[in-house]
Amino acid sequence: GCKTSEPDGSEQLDRAYGPGWSAVH
């Protein structure tokens, strides 16, 4: 699964995009 918020309230980044042309634009 995706990375989620840590107990201390900090925020984990999750670069979810696939390589290349993965989104409509």
PDB file of all heavy atoms in Angstrom:
ATOM      1  N   GLY A   1       0.792  -1.221   0.000  1.00  0.00           N
ATOM      2  CA  GLY A   1       0.000   0.000   0.000  1.00  0.00           C
ATOM      3  C   GLY A   1       0.824   1.271   0.000  1.00  0.00           C
ATOM      4  O   GLY A   1       2.044   1.264   0.103  1.00  0.00           O
ATOM      5  N   CYS A   2       0.104   2.388  -0.128  1.00  0.00           N
ATOM      6  CA  CYS A   2       0.748   3.690  -0.145  1.00  0.00           C
ATOM      7  C   CYS A   2       1.373   3.998   1.212  1.00  0.00           C
ATOM      8  O   CYS A   2       0.923   3.517   2.240  1.00  0.00           O
ATOM      9  CB  CYS A   2      -0.284   4.774  -0.457  1.00  0.00           C
ATOM     10  SG  CYS A   2      -1.175   4.526  -1.978  1.00  0.00           S
ATOM     11  N   LYS A   3       2.385   4.854   1.189  1.00  0.00           N
ATOM     12  CA  LYS A   3       2.920   5.364   2.444  1.00  0.00           C
ATOM     13  C   LYS A   3       1.896   6.321   3.039  1.00  0.00           C
ATOM     14  O   LYS A   3       1.247   7.078   2.338  1.00  0.00           O
ATOM     15  CB  LYS A   3       4.230   6.084   2.184  1.00  0.00           C
ATOM     16  CG  LYS A   3       5.300   5.161   1.601  1.00  0.00           C
ATOM     17  CD  LYS A   3       6.525   5.946   1.205  1.00  0.00           C
ATOM     18  CE  LYS A   3       7.554   5.065   0.518  1.00  0.00           C
ATOM     19  NZ  LYS A   3       8.722   5.823   0.071  1.00  0.00           N
ATOM     20  N   THR A   4       1.770   6.328   4.330  1.00  0.00           N
ATOM     21  CA  THR A   4       0.766   7.153   4.986  1.00  0.00           C
ATOM     22  C   THR A   4       1.421   8.077   5.995  1.00  0.00           C
ATOM     23  O   THR A   4       2.629   8.048   6.208  1.00  0.00           O
ATOM     24  CB  THR A   4      -0.261   6.266   5.697  1.00  0.00           C
ATOM     25  OG1 THR A   4       0.403   5.406   6.630  1.00  0.00           O
ATOM     26  CG2 THR A   4      -1.003   5.400   4.688  1.00  0.00           C
ATOM     27  N   SER A   5       0.591   8.889   6.632  1.00  0.00           N
ATOM     28  CA  SER A   5       1.107   9.817   7.633  1.00  0.00           C
ATOM     29  C   SER A   5       1.722   9.066   8.806  1.00  0.00           C
ATOM     30  O   SER A   5       1.232   8.027   9.235  1.00  0.00           O
ATOM     31  CB  SER A   5      -0.030  10.715   8.123  1.00  0.00           C
ATOM     32  OG  SER A   5      -0.545  11.468   7.062  1.00  0.00           O
ATOM     33  N   GLU A   6       2.791   9.614   9.334  1.00  0.00           N
ATOM     34  CA  GLU A   6       3.470   9.035  10.484  1.00  0.00           C
ATOM     35  C   GLU A   6       2.754   9.437  11.771  1.00  0.00           C
ATOM     36  O   GLU A   6       2.027  10.427  11.811  1.00  0.00           O
ATOM     37  CB  GLU A   6       4.921   9.530  10.523  1.00  0.00           C
ATOM     38  CG  GLU A   6       5.739   9.070   9.306  1.00  0.00           C
ATOM     39  CD  GLU A   6       5.912   7.569   9.274  1.00  0.00           C
ATOM     40  OE1 GLU A   6       6.696   7.043  10.075  1.00  0.00           O
ATOM     41  OE2 GLU A   6       5.241   6.920   8.460  1.00  0.00           O
ATOM     42  N   PRO A   7       2.962   8.697  12.860  1.00  0.00           N
ATOM     43  CA  PRO A   7       2.280   9.025  14.128  1.00  0.00           C
ATOM     44  C   PRO A   7       2.564  10.429  14.631  1.00  0.00           C
ATOM     45  O   PRO A   7       1.738  11.025  15.310  1.00  0.00           O
ATOM     46  CB  PRO A   7       2.827   7.954  15.087  1.00  0.00           C
ATOM     47  CG  PRO A   7       3.205   6.811  14.199  1.00  0.00           C
ATOM     48  CD  PRO A   7       3.722   7.439  12.943  1.00  0.00           C
ATOM     49  N   ASP A   8       3.738  10.982  14.301  1.00  0.00           N
ATOM     50  CA  ASP A   8       4.061  12.309  14.804  1.00  0.00           C
ATOM     51  C   ASP A   8       3.443  13.424  13.960  1.00  0.00           C
ATOM     52  O   ASP A   8       3.676  14.604  14.212  1.00  0.00           O
ATOM     53  CB  ASP A   8       5.577  12.491  14.890  1.00  0.00           C
ATOM     54  CG  ASP A   8       6.255  12.415  13.525  1.00  0.00           C
ATOM     55  OD1 ASP A   8       5.546  12.218  12.510  1.00  0.00           O
ATOM     56  OD2 ASP A   8       7.490  12.555  13.472  1.00  0.00           O
ATOM     57  N   GLY A   9       2.663  13.058  12.948  1.00  0.00           N
ATOM     58  CA  GLY A   9       2.002  14.065  12.130  1.00  0.00           C
ATOM     59  C   GLY A   9       2.785  14.497  10.917  1.00  0.00           C
ATOM     60  O   GLY A   9       2.306  15.310  10.134  1.00  0.00           O
ATOM     61  N   SER A  10       4.010  14.007  10.728  1.00  0.00           N
ATOM     62  CA  SER A  10       4.760  14.340   9.528  1.00  0.00           C
ATOM     63  C   SER A  10       4.140  13.627   8.335  1.00  0.00           C
ATOM     64  O   SER A  10       3.282  12.765   8.481  1.00  0.00           O
ATOM     65  CB  SER A  10       6.229  13.942   9.684  1.00  0.00           C
ATOM     66  OG  SER A  10       6.352  12.545   9.859  1.00  0.00           O
ATOM     67  N   GLU A  11       4.591  13.974   7.145  1.00  0.00           N
ATOM     68  CA  GLU A  11       3.945  13.480   5.943  1.00  0.00           C
ATOM     69  C   GLU A  11       4.957  12.760   5.051  1.00  0.00           C
ATOM     70  O   GLU A  11       6.001  13.301   4.723  1.00  0.00           O
ATOM     71  CB  GLU A  11       3.330  14.657   5.185  1.00  0.00           C
ATOM     72  CG  GLU A  11       2.229  14.281   4.229  1.00  0.00           C
ATOM     73  CD  GLU A  11       1.448  15.515   3.808  1.00  0.00           C
ATOM     74  OE1 GLU A  11       2.081  16.558   3.571  1.00  0.00           O
ATOM     75  OE2 GLU A  11       0.233  15.438   3.731  1.00  0.00           O
ATOM     76  N   GLN A  12       4.636  11.522   4.702  1.00  0.00           N
ATOM     77  CA  GLN A  12       5.485  10.750   3.818  1.00  0.00           C
ATOM     78  C   GLN A  12       5.075  10.978   2.370  1.00  0.00           C
ATOM     79  O   GLN A  12       3.889  10.969   2.039  1.00  0.00           O
ATOM     80  CB  GLN A  12       5.363   9.251   4.139  1.00  0.00           C
ATOM     81  CG  GLN A  12       5.941   8.862   5.478  1.00  0.00           C
ATOM     82  CD  GLN A  12       7.385   8.400   5.361  1.00  0.00           C
ATOM     83  OE1 GLN A  12       7.851   8.071   4.290  1.00  0.00           O
ATOM     84  NE2 GLN A  12       8.076   8.388   6.472  1.00  0.00           N
ATOM     85  N   LEU A  13       6.058  11.186   1.497  1.00  0.00           N
ATOM     86  CA  LEU A  13       5.772  11.347   0.082  1.00  0.00           C
ATOM     87  C   LEU A  13       5.720   9.984  -0.587  1.00  0.00           C
ATOM     88  O   LEU A  13       6.428   9.055  -0.206  1.00  0.00           O
ATOM     89  CB  LEU A  13       6.846  12.204  -0.581  1.00  0.00           C
ATOM     90  CG  LEU A  13       7.003  13.635  -0.056  1.00  0.00           C
ATOM     91  CD1 LEU A  13       8.057  14.372  -0.858  1.00  0.00           C
ATOM     92  CD2 LEU A  13       5.687  14.386  -0.082  1.00  0.00           C
ATOM     93  N   ASP A  14       4.876   9.860  -1.589  1.00  0.00           N
ATOM     94  CA  ASP A  14       4.752   8.621  -2.346  1.00  0.00           C
ATOM     95  C   ASP A  14       4.607   9.001  -3.816  1.00  0.00           C
ATOM     96  O   ASP A  14       3.541   9.407  -4.250  1.00  0.00           O
ATOM     97  CB  ASP A  14       3.539   7.816  -1.871  1.00  0.00           C
ATOM     98  CG  ASP A  14       3.401   6.477  -2.599  1.00  0.00           C
ATOM     99  OD1 ASP A  14       4.278   6.156  -3.414  1.00  0.00           O
ATOM    100  OD2 ASP A  14       2.416   5.780  -2.345  1.00  0.00           O
ATOM    101  N   ARG A  15       5.700   8.897  -4.547  1.00  0.00           N
ATOM    102  CA  ARG A  15       5.675   9.250  -5.967  1.00  0.00           C
ATOM    103  C   ARG A  15       5.013   8.112  -6.727  1.00  0.00           C
ATOM    104  O   ARG A  15       5.652   7.165  -7.160  1.00  0.00           O
ATOM    105  CB  ARG A  15       7.087   9.490  -6.487  1.00  0.00           C
ATOM    106  CG  ARG A  15       7.878  10.515  -5.696  1.00  0.00           C
ATOM    107  CD  ARG A  15       7.183  11.865  -5.604  1.00  0.00           C
ATOM    108  NE  ARG A  15       8.073  12.902  -5.106  1.00  0.00           N
ATOM    109  CZ  ARG A  15       7.691  14.091  -4.703  1.00  0.00           C
ATOM    110  NH1 ARG A  15       6.411  14.401  -4.723  1.00  0.00           N
ATOM    111  NH2 ARG A  15       8.557  14.984  -4.272  1.00  0.00           N
ATOM    112  N   ALA A  16       3.709   8.206  -6.879  1.00  0.00           N
ATOM    113  CA  ALA A  16       2.918   7.077  -7.356  1.00  0.00           C
ATOM    114  C   ALA A  16       2.952   6.893  -8.870  1.00  0.00           C
ATOM    115  O   ALA A  16       2.601   5.829  -9.372  1.00  0.00           O
ATOM    116  CB  ALA A  16       1.468   7.238  -6.903  1.00  0.00           C
ATOM    117  N   TYR A  17       3.353   7.909  -9.607  1.00  0.00           N
ATOM    118  CA  TYR A  17       3.246   7.848 -11.065  1.00  0.00           C
ATOM    119  C   TYR A  17       4.157   6.802 -11.673  1.00  0.00           C
ATOM    120  O   TYR A  17       5.307   6.629 -11.254  1.00  0.00           O
ATOM    121  CB  TYR A  17       3.566   9.214 -11.683  1.00  0.00           C
ATOM    122  CG  TYR A  17       2.486  10.230 -11.434  1.00  0.00           C
ATOM    123  CD1 TYR A  17       2.476  10.978 -10.254  1.00  0.00           C
ATOM    124  CD2 TYR A  17       1.456  10.426 -12.345  1.00  0.00           C
ATOM    125  CE1 TYR A  17       1.473  11.897  -9.999  1.00  0.00           C
ATOM    126  CE2 TYR A  17       0.456  11.348 -12.097  1.00  0.00           C
ATOM    127  CZ  TYR A  17       0.464  12.077 -10.930  1.00  0.00           C
ATOM    128  OH  TYR A  17      -0.538  12.979 -10.672  1.00  0.00           O
ATOM    129  N   GLY A  18       3.632   6.118 -12.674  1.00  0.00           N
ATOM    130  CA  GLY A  18       4.437   5.186 -13.434  1.00  0.00           C
ATOM    131  C   GLY A  18       5.430   5.935 -14.307  1.00  0.00           C
ATOM    132  O   GLY A  18       5.318   7.144 -14.521  1.00  0.00           O
ATOM    133  N   PRO A  19       6.420   5.221 -14.843  1.00  0.00           N
ATOM    134  CA  PRO A  19       7.389   5.871 -15.727  1.00  0.00           C
ATOM    135  C   PRO A  19       6.751   6.237 -17.053  1.00  0.00           C
ATOM    136  O   PRO A  19       5.797   5.600 -17.505  1.00  0.00           O
ATOM    137  CB  PRO A  19       8.462   4.787 -15.913  1.00  0.00           C
ATOM    138  CG  PRO A  19       7.722   3.499 -15.724  1.00  0.00           C
ATOM    139  CD  PRO A  19       6.676   3.780 -14.680  1.00  0.00           C
ATOM    140  N   GLY A  20       7.252   7.294 -17.678  1.00  0.00           N
ATOM    141  CA  GLY A  20       6.746   7.654 -18.993  1.00  0.00           C
ATOM    142  C   GLY A  20       5.432   8.406 -18.937  1.00  0.00           C
ATOM    143  O   GLY A  20       5.094   9.078 -17.957  1.00  0.00           O
ATOM    144  N   TRP A  21       4.640   8.272 -20.011  1.00  0.00           N
ATOM    145  CA  TRP A  21       3.393   9.027 -20.171  1.00  0.00           C
ATOM    146  C   TRP A  21       2.289   8.318 -19.412  1.00  0.00           C
ATOM    147  O   TRP A  21       1.448   7.645 -19.974  1.00  0.00           O
ATOM    148  CB  TRP A  21       3.045   9.144 -21.648  1.00  0.00           C
ATOM    149  CG  TRP A  21       2.162  10.308 -21.984  1.00  0.00           C
ATOM    150  CD1 TRP A  21       0.829  10.398 -21.744  1.00  0.00           C
ATOM    151  CD2 TRP A  21       2.546  11.526 -22.617  1.00  0.00           C
ATOM    152  NE1 TRP A  21       0.345  11.611 -22.184  1.00  0.00           N
ATOM    153  CE2 TRP A  21       1.368  12.330 -22.726  1.00  0.00           C
ATOM    154  CE3 TRP A  21       3.747  12.044 -23.094  1.00  0.00           C
ATOM    155  CZ2 TRP A  21       1.388  13.596 -23.312  1.00  0.00           C
ATOM    156  CZ3 TRP A  21       3.756  13.300 -23.665  1.00  0.00           C
ATOM    157  CH2 TRP A  21       2.596  14.063 -23.777  1.00  0.00           C
ATOM    158  N   SER A  22       2.230   8.523 -18.094  1.00  0.00           N
ATOM    159  CA  SER A  22       1.327   7.758 -17.235  1.00  0.00           C
ATOM    160  C   SER A  22       0.031   8.474 -16.906  1.00  0.00           C
ATOM    161  O   SER A  22      -0.871   7.885 -16.322  1.00  0.00           O
ATOM    162  CB  SER A  22       2.037   7.387 -15.927  1.00  0.00           C
ATOM    163  OG  SER A  22       2.478   8.555 -15.254  1.00  0.00           O
ATOM    164  N   ALA A  23      -0.089   9.746 -17.269  1.00  0.00           N
ATOM    165  CA  ALA A  23      -1.291  10.530 -16.997  1.00  0.00           C
ATOM    166  C   ALA A  23      -1.796  11.157 -18.292  1.00  0.00           C
ATOM    167  O   ALA A  23      -1.069  11.213 -19.290  1.00  0.00           O
ATOM    168  CB  ALA A  23      -0.996  11.617 -15.960  1.00  0.00           C
ATOM    169  N   VAL A  24      -3.018  11.639 -18.272  1.00  0.00           N
ATOM    170  CA  VAL A  24      -3.644  12.113 -19.503  1.00  0.00           C
ATOM    171  C   VAL A  24      -2.819  13.189 -20.193  1.00  0.00           C
ATOM    172  O   VAL A  24      -2.711  13.208 -21.427  1.00  0.00           O
ATOM    173  CB  VAL A  24      -5.083  12.610 -19.227  1.00  0.00           C
ATOM    174  CG1 VAL A  24      -5.101  13.771 -18.236  1.00  0.00           C
ATOM    175  CG2 VAL A  24      -5.791  12.989 -20.514  1.00  0.00           C
ATOM    176  N   HIS A  25      -2.210  14.090 -19.432  1.00  0.00           N
ATOM    177  CA  HIS A  25      -1.361  15.130 -20.011  1.00  0.00           C
ATOM    178  C   HIS A  25       0.096  14.919 -19.619  1.00  0.00           C
ATOM    179  O   HIS A  25       0.824  15.865 -19.323  1.00  0.00           O
ATOM    180  CB  HIS A  25      -1.855  16.514 -19.582  1.00  0.00           C
ATOM    181  CG  HIS A  25      -3.216  16.865 -20.107  1.00  0.00           C
ATOM    182  ND1 HIS A  25      -3.495  16.971 -21.453  1.00  0.00           N
ATOM    183  CD2 HIS A  25      -4.404  17.103 -19.471  1.00  0.00           C
ATOM    184  CE1 HIS A  25      -4.771  17.270 -21.632  1.00  0.00           C
ATOM    185  NE2 HIS A  25      -5.340  17.349 -20.442  1.00  0.00           N
TER     186      HIS A  25
END
